[in-house]
């Protein structure tokens, strides 16, 4: 279950933040640089997946590990945004703090 405090942005909102067009944002989603899900019929991206005016560095590699390990996109979003006891924070926060290797190790273990 996703944390209630998650802040979501629509594709046009993300495009504005990244100073680009919605088509480029959709391409980032297709390339797994960003991940999102439909909320009340509208595709949205967690604000936590952005770092200022760009996608969060190292998110894409972690998303690929999760999806290759059998997670659905929705499960990957939920895992990235939920507190993880072994990490002490959410995986996306750990990535933001430069702990991508640790996050990916945990993701690989879960995927087995």
PDB file of N, CA and C in Angstrom:
ATOM      1  N   UNK A   1       0.838  -1.182   0.000  1.00  0.00           N
ATOM      2  CA  UNK A   1       0.000   0.000   0.000  1.00  0.00           C
ATOM      3  C   UNK A   1       0.886   1.250   0.000  1.00  0.00           C
ATOM      4  N   UNK A   2       0.534   2.185  -0.839  1.00  0.00           N
ATOM      5  CA  UNK A   2       1.313   3.420  -0.969  1.00  0.00           C
ATOM      6  C   UNK A   2       1.106   4.334   0.231  1.00  0.00           C
ATOM      7  N   UNK A   3       2.167   5.006   0.657  1.00  0.00           N
ATOM      8  CA  UNK A   3       2.009   5.984   1.741  1.00  0.00           C
ATOM      9  C   UNK A   3       1.046   7.092   1.329  1.00  0.00           C
ATOM     10  N   UNK A   4       0.189   7.497   2.253  1.00  0.00           N
ATOM     11  CA  UNK A   4      -0.807   8.531   1.941  1.00  0.00           C
ATOM     12  C   UNK A   4      -0.176   9.874   1.625  1.00  0.00           C
ATOM     13  N   UNK A   5       0.994  10.146   2.173  1.00  0.00           N
ATOM     14  CA  UNK A   5       1.619  11.451   1.976  1.00  0.00           C
ATOM     15  C   UNK A   5       2.325  11.589   0.628  1.00  0.00           C
ATOM     16  N   UNK A   6       2.254  10.569  -0.212  1.00  0.00           N
ATOM     17  CA  UNK A   6       2.892  10.630  -1.524  1.00  0.00           C
ATOM     18  C   UNK A   6       2.308  11.769  -2.340  1.00  0.00           C
ATOM     19  N   UNK A   7       3.181  12.595  -2.886  1.00  0.00           N
ATOM     20  CA  UNK A   7       2.773  13.710  -3.740  1.00  0.00           C
ATOM     21  C   UNK A   7       2.909  13.255  -5.195  1.00  0.00           C
ATOM     22  N   UNK A   8       1.816  13.376  -5.954  1.00  0.00           N
ATOM     23  CA  UNK A   8       1.784  12.899  -7.333  1.00  0.00           C
ATOM     24  C   UNK A   8       1.714  14.069  -8.303  1.00  0.00           C
ATOM     25  N   UNK A   9       2.364  13.904  -9.444  1.00  0.00           N
ATOM     26  CA  UNK A   9       2.340  14.915 -10.500  1.00  0.00           C
ATOM     27  C   UNK A   9       1.831  14.280 -11.795  1.00  0.00           C
ATOM     28  N   UNK A  10       1.012  15.020 -12.530  1.00  0.00           N
ATOM     29  CA  UNK A  10       0.566  14.541 -13.835  1.00  0.00           C
ATOM     30  C   UNK A  10       1.708  14.704 -14.836  1.00  0.00           C
ATOM     31  N   UNK A  11       1.568  14.091 -15.999  1.00  0.00           N
ATOM     32  CA  UNK A  11       2.594  14.223 -17.042  1.00  0.00           C
ATOM     33  C   UNK A  11       2.816  15.689 -17.414  1.00  0.00           C
ATOM     34  N   UNK A  12       1.760  16.491 -17.632  1.00  0.00           N
ATOM     35  CA  UNK A  12       2.004  17.913 -17.924  1.00  0.00           C
ATOM     36  C   UNK A  12       2.736  18.634 -16.787  1.00  0.00           C
ATOM     37  N   UNK A  13       2.426  18.280 -15.531  1.00  0.00           N
ATOM     38  CA  UNK A  13       3.123  18.890 -14.392  1.00  0.00           C
ATOM     39  C   UNK A  13       4.610  18.535 -14.411  1.00  0.00           C
ATOM     40  N   UNK A  14       4.910  17.272 -14.687  1.00  0.00           N
ATOM     41  CA  UNK A  14       6.309  16.836 -14.752  1.00  0.00           C
ATOM     42  C   UNK A  14       7.013  17.541 -15.910  1.00  0.00           C
ATOM     43  N   UNK A  15       6.341  17.650 -17.042  1.00  0.00           N
ATOM     44  CA  UNK A  15       6.925  18.336 -18.198  1.00  0.00           C
ATOM     45  C   UNK A  15       7.287  19.774 -17.838  1.00  0.00           C
ATOM     46  N   UNK A  16       6.411  20.432 -17.113  1.00  0.00           N
ATOM     47  CA  UNK A  16       6.693  21.808 -16.699  1.00  0.00           C
ATOM     48  C   UNK A  16       7.901  21.858 -15.762  1.00  0.00           C
ATOM     49  N   UNK A  17       7.956  20.929 -14.807  1.00  0.00           N
ATOM     50  CA  UNK A  17       9.092  20.882 -13.866  1.00  0.00           C
ATOM     51  C   UNK A  17      10.405  20.622 -14.581  1.00  0.00           C
ATOM     52  N   UNK A  18      10.358  19.757 -15.619  1.00  0.00           N
ATOM     53  CA  UNK A  18      11.577  19.399 -16.352  1.00  0.00           C
ATOM     54  C   UNK A  18      11.855  20.349 -17.511  1.00  0.00           C
ATOM     55  N   UNK A  19      10.979  21.347 -17.688  1.00  0.00           N
ATOM     56  CA  UNK A  19      11.099  22.307 -18.788  1.00  0.00           C
ATOM     57  C   UNK A  19      11.184  21.597 -20.132  1.00  0.00           C
ATOM     58  N   UNK A  20      10.203  20.718 -20.356  1.00  0.00           N
ATOM     59  CA  UNK A  20      10.149  19.954 -21.593  1.00  0.00           C
ATOM     60  C   UNK A  20       8.686  19.766 -21.992  1.00  0.00           C
ATOM     61  N   UNK A  21       8.447  18.902 -22.940  1.00  0.00           N
ATOM     62  CA  UNK A  21       7.091  18.644 -23.417  1.00  0.00           C
ATOM     63  C   UNK A  21       6.592  17.307 -22.854  1.00  0.00           C
ATOM     64  N   UNK A  22       5.276  17.139 -22.769  1.00  0.00           N
ATOM     65  CA  UNK A  22       4.730  15.881 -22.248  1.00  0.00           C
ATOM     66  C   UNK A  22       5.220  14.641 -23.004  1.00  0.00           C
ATOM     67  N   UNK A  23       5.446  14.756 -24.288  1.00  0.00           N
ATOM     68  CA  UNK A  23       5.948  13.614 -25.057  1.00  0.00           C
ATOM     69  C   UNK A  23       7.304  13.135 -24.556  1.00  0.00           C
ATOM     70  N   UNK A  24       8.143  14.057 -24.163  1.00  0.00           N
ATOM     71  CA  UNK A  24       9.461  13.702 -23.611  1.00  0.00           C
ATOM     72  C   UNK A  24       9.307  12.991 -22.264  1.00  0.00           C
ATOM     73  N   UNK A  25       8.344  13.423 -21.461  1.00  0.00           N
ATOM     74  CA  UNK A  25       8.085  12.771 -20.176  1.00  0.00           C
ATOM     75  C   UNK A  25       7.602  11.343 -20.418  1.00  0.00           C
ATOM     76  N   UNK A  26       6.711  11.170 -21.383  1.00  0.00           N
ATOM     77  CA  UNK A  26       6.233   9.819 -21.701  1.00  0.00           C
ATOM     78  C   UNK A  26       7.390   8.936 -22.170  1.00  0.00           C
ATOM     79  N   UNK A  27       8.326   9.514 -22.905  1.00  0.00           N
ATOM     80  CA  UNK A  27       9.519   8.779 -23.344  1.00  0.00           C
ATOM     81  C   UNK A  27      10.372   8.361 -22.141  1.00  0.00           C
ATOM     82  N   UNK A  28      10.512   9.253 -21.159  1.00  0.00           N
ATOM     83  CA  UNK A  28      11.255   8.923 -19.939  1.00  0.00           C
ATOM     84  C   UNK A  28      10.608   7.757 -19.196  1.00  0.00           C
ATOM     85  N   UNK A  29       9.279   7.707 -19.224  1.00  0.00           N
ATOM     86  CA  UNK A  29       8.553   6.592 -18.609  1.00  0.00           C
ATOM     87  C   UNK A  29       8.803   5.317 -19.409  1.00  0.00           C
ATOM     88  N   UNK A  30       8.713   5.394 -20.722  1.00  0.00           N
ATOM     89  CA  UNK A  30       8.978   4.226 -21.573  1.00  0.00           C
ATOM     90  C   UNK A  30      10.394   3.703 -21.375  1.00  0.00           C
ATOM     91  N   UNK A  31      11.345   4.615 -21.180  1.00  0.00           N
ATOM     92  CA  UNK A  31      12.754   4.242 -20.994  1.00  0.00           C
ATOM     93  C   UNK A  31      13.070   3.857 -19.551  1.00  0.00           C
ATOM     94  N   UNK A  32      12.066   3.906 -18.686  1.00  0.00           N
ATOM     95  CA  UNK A  32      12.193   3.553 -17.270  1.00  0.00           C
ATOM     96  C   UNK A  32      13.039   4.526 -16.454  1.00  0.00           C
ATOM     97  N   UNK A  33      13.254   5.729 -16.971  1.00  0.00           N
ATOM     98  CA  UNK A  33      13.924   6.761 -16.191  1.00  0.00           C
ATOM     99  C   UNK A  33      12.959   7.321 -15.144  1.00  0.00           C
ATOM    100  N   UNK A  34      11.663   7.173 -15.399  1.00  0.00           N
ATOM    101  CA  UNK A  34      10.604   7.534 -14.469  1.00  0.00           C
ATOM    102  C   UNK A  34       9.580   6.409 -14.457  1.00  0.00           C
ATOM    103  N   UNK A  35       8.823   6.362 -13.408  1.00  0.00           N
ATOM    104  CA  UNK A  35       7.802   5.331 -13.258  1.00  0.00           C
ATOM    105  C   UNK A  35       6.594   5.990 -12.626  1.00  0.00           C
ATOM    106  N   UNK A  36       5.421   5.526 -12.960  1.00  0.00           N
ATOM    107  CA  UNK A  36       4.211   6.088 -12.386  1.00  0.00           C
ATOM    108  C   UNK A  36       3.083   5.102 -12.458  1.00  0.00           C
ATOM    109  N   UNK A  37       1.894   5.573 -12.172  1.00  0.00           N
ATOM    110  CA  UNK A  37       0.710   4.731 -12.260  1.00  0.00           C
ATOM    111  C   UNK A  37      -0.530   5.596 -12.376  1.00  0.00           C
ATOM    112  N   UNK A  38      -1.622   4.969 -12.763  1.00  0.00           N
ATOM    113  CA  UNK A  38      -2.882   5.706 -12.903  1.00  0.00           C
ATOM    114  C   UNK A  38      -3.526   5.889 -11.541  1.00  0.00           C
ATOM    115  N   UNK A  39      -3.943   7.110 -11.319  1.00  0.00           N
ATOM    116  CA  UNK A  39      -4.675   7.455 -10.110  1.00  0.00           C
ATOM    117  C   UNK A  39      -5.953   8.129 -10.564  1.00  0.00           C
ATOM    118  N   UNK A  40      -7.068   7.485 -10.255  1.00  0.00           N
ATOM    119  CA  UNK A  40      -8.377   7.972 -10.691  1.00  0.00           C
ATOM    120  C   UNK A  40      -8.391   8.220 -12.190  1.00  0.00           C
ATOM    121  N   UNK A  41      -7.765   7.304 -12.948  1.00  0.00           N
ATOM    122  CA  UNK A  41      -7.779   7.355 -14.398  1.00  0.00           C
ATOM    123  C   UNK A  41      -6.737   8.250 -15.047  1.00  0.00           C
ATOM    124  N   UNK A  42      -5.918   8.924 -14.236  1.00  0.00           N
ATOM    125  CA  UNK A  42      -4.906   9.843 -14.765  1.00  0.00           C
ATOM    126  C   UNK A  42      -3.522   9.304 -14.414  1.00  0.00           C
ATOM    127  N   UNK A  43      -2.650   9.176 -15.427  1.00  0.00           N
ATOM    128  CA  UNK A  43      -1.294   8.695 -15.166  1.00  0.00           C
ATOM    129  C   UNK A  43      -0.517   9.763 -14.410  1.00  0.00           C
ATOM    130  N   UNK A  44       0.053   9.362 -13.282  1.00  0.00           N
ATOM    131  CA  UNK A  44       0.797  10.285 -12.427  1.00  0.00           C
ATOM    132  C   UNK A  44       2.149   9.690 -12.044  1.00  0.00           C
ATOM    133  N   UNK A  45       3.066  10.566 -11.726  1.00  0.00           N
ATOM    134  CA  UNK A  45       4.422  10.196 -11.352  1.00  0.00           C
ATOM    135  C   UNK A  45       4.684  10.759  -9.960  1.00  0.00           C
ATOM    136  N   UNK A  46       5.240   9.938  -9.057  1.00  0.00           N
ATOM    137  CA  UNK A  46       5.543  10.463  -7.723  1.00  0.00           C
ATOM    138  C   UNK A  46       6.571  11.592  -7.797  1.00  0.00           C
ATOM    139  N   UNK A  47       6.306  12.658  -7.089  1.00  0.00           N
ATOM    140  CA  UNK A  47       7.234  13.787  -7.074  1.00  0.00           C
ATOM    141  C   UNK A  47       8.602  13.355  -6.546  1.00  0.00           C
ATOM    142  N   UNK A  48       8.621  12.345  -5.681  1.00  0.00           N
ATOM    143  CA  UNK A  48       9.874  11.849  -5.105  1.00  0.00           C
ATOM    144  C   UNK A  48      10.820  11.288  -6.163  1.00  0.00           C
ATOM    145  N   UNK A  49      10.296  10.980  -7.354  1.00  0.00           N
ATOM    146  CA  UNK A  49      11.124  10.429  -8.429  1.00  0.00           C
ATOM    147  C   UNK A  49      11.842  11.522  -9.224  1.00  0.00           C
ATOM    148  N   UNK A  50      11.624  12.770  -8.816  1.00  0.00           N
ATOM    149  CA  UNK A  50      12.301  13.892  -9.463  1.00  0.00           C
ATOM    150  C   UNK A  50      13.314  14.495  -8.505  1.00  0.00           C
ATOM    151  N   UNK A  51      14.375  15.007  -9.076  1.00  0.00           N
ATOM    152  CA  UNK A  51      15.384  15.728  -8.309  1.00  0.00           C
ATOM    153  C   UNK A  51      15.489  17.116  -8.921  1.00  0.00           C
ATOM    154  N   UNK A  52      14.680  18.009  -8.404  1.00  0.00           N
ATOM    155  CA  UNK A  52      14.642  19.355  -8.973  1.00  0.00           C
ATOM    156  C   UNK A  52      14.067  19.324 -10.374  1.00  0.00           C
ATOM    157  N   UNK A  53      14.902  19.644 -11.349  1.00  0.00           N
ATOM    158  CA  UNK A  53      14.448  19.747 -12.734  1.00  0.00           C
ATOM    159  C   UNK A  53      14.903  18.572 -13.586  1.00  0.00           C
ATOM    160  N   UNK A  54      15.114  17.398 -12.961  1.00  0.00           N
ATOM    161  CA  UNK A  54      15.497  16.202 -13.718  1.00  0.00           C
ATOM    162  C   UNK A  54      15.024  14.959 -12.983  1.00  0.00           C
ATOM    163  N   UNK A  55      14.917  13.836 -13.702  1.00  0.00           N
ATOM    164  CA  UNK A  55      14.578  12.586 -13.022  1.00  0.00           C
ATOM    165  C   UNK A  55      15.668  12.244 -11.998  1.00  0.00           C
ATOM    166  N   UNK A  56      15.270  11.596 -10.933  1.00  0.00           N
ATOM    167  CA  UNK A  56      16.215  11.198  -9.894  1.00  0.00           C
ATOM    168  C   UNK A  56      17.276  10.278 -10.488  1.00  0.00           C
ATOM    169  N   UNK A  57      18.521  10.689 -10.333  1.00  0.00           N
ATOM    170  CA  UNK A  57      19.648   9.905 -10.848  1.00  0.00           C
ATOM    171  C   UNK A  57      19.631   8.537 -10.175  1.00  0.00           C
ATOM    172  N   UNK A  58      19.927   7.519 -10.924  1.00  0.00           N
ATOM    173  CA  UNK A  58      20.020   6.139 -10.455  1.00  0.00           C
ATOM    174  C   UNK A  58      18.676   5.454 -10.233  1.00  0.00           C
ATOM    175  N   UNK A  59      17.570   6.158 -10.452  1.00  0.00           N
ATOM    176  CA  UNK A  59      16.261   5.514 -10.330  1.00  0.00           C
ATOM    177  C   UNK A  59      16.068   4.477 -11.429  1.00  0.00           C
ATOM    178  N   UNK A  60      16.448   4.815 -12.655  1.00  0.00           N
ATOM    179  CA  UNK A  60      16.214   3.933 -13.801  1.00  0.00           C
ATOM    180  C   UNK A  60      16.835   2.556 -13.603  1.00  0.00           C
ATOM    181  N   UNK A  61      18.066   2.498 -13.160  1.00  0.00           N
ATOM    182  CA  UNK A  61      18.722   1.208 -12.958  1.00  0.00           C
ATOM    183  C   UNK A  61      18.013   0.367 -11.917  1.00  0.00           C
ATOM    184  N   UNK A  62      17.540   1.003 -10.873  1.00  0.00           N
ATOM    185  CA  UNK A  62      16.819   0.288  -9.821  1.00  0.00           C
ATOM    186  C   UNK A  62      15.474  -0.205 -10.345  1.00  0.00           C
ATOM    187  N   UNK A  63      14.797   0.609 -11.132  1.00  0.00           N
ATOM    188  CA  UNK A  63      13.519   0.200 -11.725  1.00  0.00           C
ATOM    189  C   UNK A  63      13.724  -1.040 -12.600  1.00  0.00           C
ATOM    190  N   UNK A  64      14.784  -1.049 -13.375  1.00  0.00           N
ATOM    191  CA  UNK A  64      15.062  -2.202 -14.241  1.00  0.00           C
ATOM    192  C   UNK A  64      15.299  -3.455 -13.406  1.00  0.00           C
ATOM    193  N   UNK A  65      16.053  -3.336 -12.318  1.00  0.00           N
ATOM    194  CA  UNK A  65      16.280  -4.482 -11.429  1.00  0.00           C
ATOM    195  C   UNK A  65      14.948  -5.016 -10.915  1.00  0.00           C
ATOM    196  N   UNK A  66      14.076  -4.122 -10.478  1.00  0.00           N
ATOM    197  CA  UNK A  66      12.773  -4.537  -9.947  1.00  0.00           C
ATOM    198  C   UNK A  66      11.914  -5.214 -11.009  1.00  0.00           C
ATOM    199  N   UNK A  67      11.805  -4.590 -12.178  1.00  0.00           N
ATOM    200  CA  UNK A  67      10.958  -5.147 -13.239  1.00  0.00           C
ATOM    201  C   UNK A  67      11.516  -6.465 -13.753  1.00  0.00           C
ATOM    202  N   UNK A  68      12.829  -6.539 -13.914  1.00  0.00           N
ATOM    203  CA  UNK A  68      13.452  -7.799 -14.351  1.00  0.00           C
ATOM    204  C   UNK A  68      13.274  -8.894 -13.308  1.00  0.00           C
ATOM    205  N   UNK A  69      13.138  -8.497 -12.048  1.00  0.00           N
ATOM    206  CA  UNK A  69      12.959  -9.459 -10.968  1.00  0.00           C
ATOM    207  C   UNK A  69      11.523  -9.902 -10.774  1.00  0.00           C
ATOM    208  N   UNK A  70      10.625  -9.420 -11.612  1.00  0.00           N
ATOM    209  CA  UNK A  70       9.243  -9.882 -11.553  1.00  0.00           C
ATOM    210  C   UNK A  70       8.253  -8.915 -10.925  1.00  0.00           C
ATOM    211  N   UNK A  71       8.708  -7.760 -10.490  1.00  0.00           N
ATOM    212  CA  UNK A  71       7.778  -6.761  -9.960  1.00  0.00           C
ATOM    213  C   UNK A  71       6.956  -6.184 -11.099  1.00  0.00           C
ATOM    214  N   UNK A  72       5.689  -5.893 -10.843  1.00  0.00           N
ATOM    215  CA  UNK A  72       4.901  -5.109 -11.801  1.00  0.00           C
ATOM    216  C   UNK A  72       5.300  -3.652 -11.599  1.00  0.00           C
ATOM    217  N   UNK A  73       4.906  -2.786 -12.518  1.00  0.00           N
ATOM    218  CA  UNK A  73       5.221  -1.367 -12.361  1.00  0.00           C
ATOM    219  C   UNK A  73       4.596  -0.809 -11.082  1.00  0.00           C
ATOM    220  N   UNK A  74       3.358  -1.216 -10.798  1.00  0.00           N
ATOM    221  CA  UNK A  74       2.684  -0.736  -9.589  1.00  0.00           C
ATOM    222  C   UNK A  74       3.406  -1.220  -8.339  1.00  0.00           C
ATOM    223  N   UNK A  75       3.827  -2.483  -8.340  1.00  0.00           N
ATOM    224  CA  UNK A  75       4.568  -3.018  -7.193  1.00  0.00           C
ATOM    225  C   UNK A  75       5.899  -2.304  -7.020  1.00  0.00           C
ATOM    226  N   UNK A  76       6.562  -1.981  -8.118  1.00  0.00           N
ATOM    227  CA  UNK A  76       7.839  -1.268  -8.049  1.00  0.00           C
ATOM    228  C   UNK A  76       7.649   0.120  -7.456  1.00  0.00           C
ATOM    229  N   UNK A  77       6.620   0.837  -7.901  1.00  0.00           N
ATOM    230  CA  UNK A  77       6.334   2.167  -7.354  1.00  0.00           C
ATOM    231  C   UNK A  77       6.075   2.056  -5.856  1.00  0.00           C
ATOM    232  N   UNK A  78       5.229   1.106  -5.475  1.00  0.00           N
ATOM    233  CA  UNK A  78       4.901   0.932  -4.059  1.00  0.00           C
ATOM    234  C   UNK A  78       6.148   0.606  -3.238  1.00  0.00           C
ATOM    235  N   UNK A  79       6.994  -0.304  -3.727  1.00  0.00           N
ATOM    236  CA  UNK A  79       8.202  -0.680  -2.998  1.00  0.00           C
ATOM    237  C   UNK A  79       9.147   0.512  -2.848  1.00  0.00           C
ATOM    238  N   UNK A  80       9.327   1.261  -3.911  1.00  0.00           N
ATOM    239  CA  UNK A  80      10.234   2.405  -3.869  1.00  0.00           C
ATOM    240  C   UNK A  80       9.789   3.486  -2.888  1.00  0.00           C
ATOM    241  N   UNK A  81       8.485   3.612  -2.677  1.00  0.00           N
ATOM    242  CA  UNK A  81       7.948   4.682  -1.836  1.00  0.00           C
ATOM    243  C   UNK A  81       7.624   4.262  -0.404  1.00  0.00           C
ATOM    244  N   UNK A  82       7.722   2.966  -0.110  1.00  0.00           N
ATOM    245  CA  UNK A  82       7.362   2.465   1.223  1.00  0.00           C
ATOM    246  C   UNK A  82       8.593   2.300   2.098  1.00  0.00           C
ATOM    247  N   UNK A  83       8.418   2.543   3.386  1.00  0.00           N
ATOM    248  CA  UNK A  83       9.527   2.351   4.322  1.00  0.00           C
ATOM    249  C   UNK A  83      10.026   0.921   4.251  1.00  0.00           C
ATOM    250  N   UNK A  84      11.337   0.761   4.319  1.00  0.00           N
ATOM    251  CA  UNK A  84      11.947  -0.559   4.277  1.00  0.00           C
ATOM    252  C   UNK A  84      12.827  -0.703   5.510  1.00  0.00           C
ATOM    253  N   UNK A  85      12.497  -1.684   6.331  1.00  0.00           N
ATOM    254  CA  UNK A  85      13.200  -1.879   7.601  1.00  0.00           C
ATOM    255  C   UNK A  85      14.707  -2.022   7.421  1.00  0.00           C
ATOM    256  N   UNK A  86      15.120  -2.793   6.427  1.00  0.00           N
ATOM    257  CA  UNK A  86      16.548  -3.029   6.211  1.00  0.00           C
ATOM    258  C   UNK A  86      17.324  -1.790   5.795  1.00  0.00           C
ATOM    259  N   UNK A  87      16.638  -0.846   5.164  1.00  0.00           N
ATOM    260  CA  UNK A  87      17.282   0.388   4.712  1.00  0.00           C
ATOM    261  C   UNK A  87      17.139   1.524   5.726  1.00  0.00           C
ATOM    262  N   UNK A  88      16.123   1.426   6.567  1.00  0.00           N
ATOM    263  CA  UNK A  88      15.873   2.476   7.540  1.00  0.00           C
ATOM    264  C   UNK A  88      15.112   3.660   6.986  1.00  0.00           C
ATOM    265  N   UNK A  89      14.904   3.677   5.687  1.00  0.00           N
ATOM    266  CA  UNK A  89      14.167   4.739   4.992  1.00  0.00           C
ATOM    267  C   UNK A  89      13.478   4.091   3.789  1.00  0.00           C
ATOM    268  N   UNK A  90      12.782   4.899   3.011  1.00  0.00           N
ATOM    269  CA  UNK A  90      12.222   4.347   1.778  1.00  0.00           C
ATOM    270  C   UNK A  90      13.359   4.123   0.786  1.00  0.00           C
ATOM    271  N   UNK A  91      13.221   3.149  -0.109  1.00  0.00           N
ATOM    272  CA  UNK A  91      14.265   2.945  -1.108  1.00  0.00           C
ATOM    273  C   UNK A  91      14.563   4.191  -1.935  1.00  0.00           C
ATOM    274  N   UNK A  92      13.549   4.969  -2.294  1.00  0.00           N
ATOM    275  CA  UNK A  92      13.802   6.167  -3.099  1.00  0.00           C
ATOM    276  C   UNK A  92      14.614   7.194  -2.305  1.00  0.00           C
ATOM    277  N   UNK A  93      14.386   7.276  -0.997  1.00  0.00           N
ATOM    278  CA  UNK A  93      15.202   8.180  -0.171  1.00  0.00           C
ATOM    279  C   UNK A  93      16.648   7.684  -0.126  1.00  0.00           C
ATOM    280  N   UNK A  94      16.818   6.378   0.012  1.00  0.00           N
ATOM    281  CA  UNK A  94      18.171   5.815   0.039  1.00  0.00           C
ATOM    282  C   UNK A  94      18.902   6.096  -1.276  1.00  0.00           C
ATOM    283  N   UNK A  95      18.190   5.981  -2.397  1.00  0.00           N
ATOM    284  CA  UNK A  95      18.788   6.302  -3.704  1.00  0.00           C
ATOM    285  C   UNK A  95      19.205   7.771  -3.723  1.00  0.00           C
ATOM    286  N   UNK A  96      18.336   8.623  -3.238  1.00  0.00           N
ATOM    287  CA  UNK A  96      18.616  10.061  -3.210  1.00  0.00           C
ATOM    288  C   UNK A  96      19.873  10.362  -2.390  1.00  0.00           C
ATOM    289  N   UNK A  97      20.135   9.552  -1.368  1.00  0.00           N
ATOM    290  CA  UNK A  97      21.295   9.745  -0.494  1.00  0.00           C
ATOM    291  C   UNK A  97      22.527   9.000  -0.982  1.00  0.00           C
ATOM    292  N   UNK A  98      22.473   8.480  -2.219  1.00  0.00           N
ATOM    293  CA  UNK A  98      23.647   7.834  -2.799  1.00  0.00           C
ATOM    294  C   UNK A  98      23.833   6.379  -2.420  1.00  0.00           C
ATOM    295  N   UNK A  99      22.776   5.726  -1.956  1.00  0.00           N
ATOM    296  CA  UNK A  99      22.880   4.332  -1.523  1.00  0.00           C
ATOM    297  C   UNK A  99      22.281   3.372  -2.545  1.00  0.00           C
ATOM    298  N   UNK A 100      22.455   3.669  -3.831  1.00  0.00           N
ATOM    299  CA  UNK A 100      21.824   2.873  -4.892  1.00  0.00           C
ATOM    300  C   UNK A 100      22.249   1.415  -4.852  1.00  0.00           C
ATOM    301  N   UNK A 101      23.520   1.135  -4.584  1.00  0.00           N
ATOM    302  CA  UNK A 101      24.003  -0.251  -4.577  1.00  0.00           C
ATOM    303  C   UNK A 101      23.283  -1.057  -3.504  1.00  0.00           C
ATOM    304  N   UNK A 102      23.139  -0.490  -2.339  1.00  0.00           N
ATOM    305  CA  UNK A 102      22.447  -1.166  -1.242  1.00  0.00           C
ATOM    306  C   UNK A 102      20.980  -1.420  -1.609  1.00  0.00           C
ATOM    307  N   UNK A 103      20.333  -0.421  -2.196  1.00  0.00           N
ATOM    308  CA  UNK A 103      18.928  -0.548  -2.601  1.00  0.00           C
ATOM    309  C   UNK A 103      18.789  -1.662  -3.640  1.00  0.00           C
ATOM    310  N   UNK A 104      19.673  -1.680  -4.607  1.00  0.00           N
ATOM    311  CA  UNK A 104      19.579  -2.690  -5.666  1.00  0.00           C
ATOM    312  C   UNK A 104      19.850  -4.094  -5.128  1.00  0.00           C
ATOM    313  N   UNK A 105      20.730  -4.213  -4.143  1.00  0.00           N
ATOM    314  CA  UNK A 105      20.977  -5.539  -3.518  1.00  0.00           C
ATOM    315  C   UNK A 105      19.705  -6.034  -2.854  1.00  0.00           C
ATOM    316  N   UNK A 106      19.050  -5.156  -2.117  1.00  0.00           N
ATOM    317  CA  UNK A 106      17.796  -5.527  -1.449  1.00  0.00           C
ATOM    318  C   UNK A 106      16.745  -5.911  -2.493  1.00  0.00           C
ATOM    319  N   UNK A 107      16.655  -5.141  -3.560  1.00  0.00           N
ATOM    320  CA  UNK A 107      15.688  -5.429  -4.627  1.00  0.00           C
ATOM    321  C   UNK A 107      15.964  -6.781  -5.263  1.00  0.00           C
ATOM    322  N   UNK A 108      17.227  -7.100  -5.490  1.00  0.00           N
ATOM    323  CA  UNK A 108      17.588  -8.388  -6.085  1.00  0.00           C
ATOM    324  C   UNK A 108      17.203  -9.544  -5.176  1.00  0.00           C
ATOM    325  N   UNK A 109      17.403  -9.390  -3.880  1.00  0.00           N
ATOM    326  CA  UNK A 109      17.043 -10.443  -2.930  1.00  0.00           C
ATOM    327  C   UNK A 109      15.529 -10.662  -2.945  1.00  0.00           C
ATOM    328  N   UNK A 110      14.773  -9.597  -2.980  1.00  0.00           N
ATOM    329  CA  UNK A 110      13.310  -9.700  -3.012  1.00  0.00           C
ATOM    330  C   UNK A 110      12.814 -10.352  -4.294  1.00  0.00           C
ATOM    331  N   UNK A 111      13.541 -10.167  -5.351  1.00  0.00           N
ATOM    332  CA  UNK A 111      13.122 -10.687  -6.663  1.00  0.00           C
ATOM    333  C   UNK A 111      13.369 -12.185  -6.799  1.00  0.00           C
ATOM    334  N   UNK A 112      14.205 -12.745  -5.946  1.00  0.00           N
ATOM    335  CA  UNK A 112      14.530 -14.176  -6.068  1.00  0.00           C
ATOM    336  C   UNK A 112      13.390 -15.076  -5.787  1.00  0.00           C
TER     337      UNK A 112
END
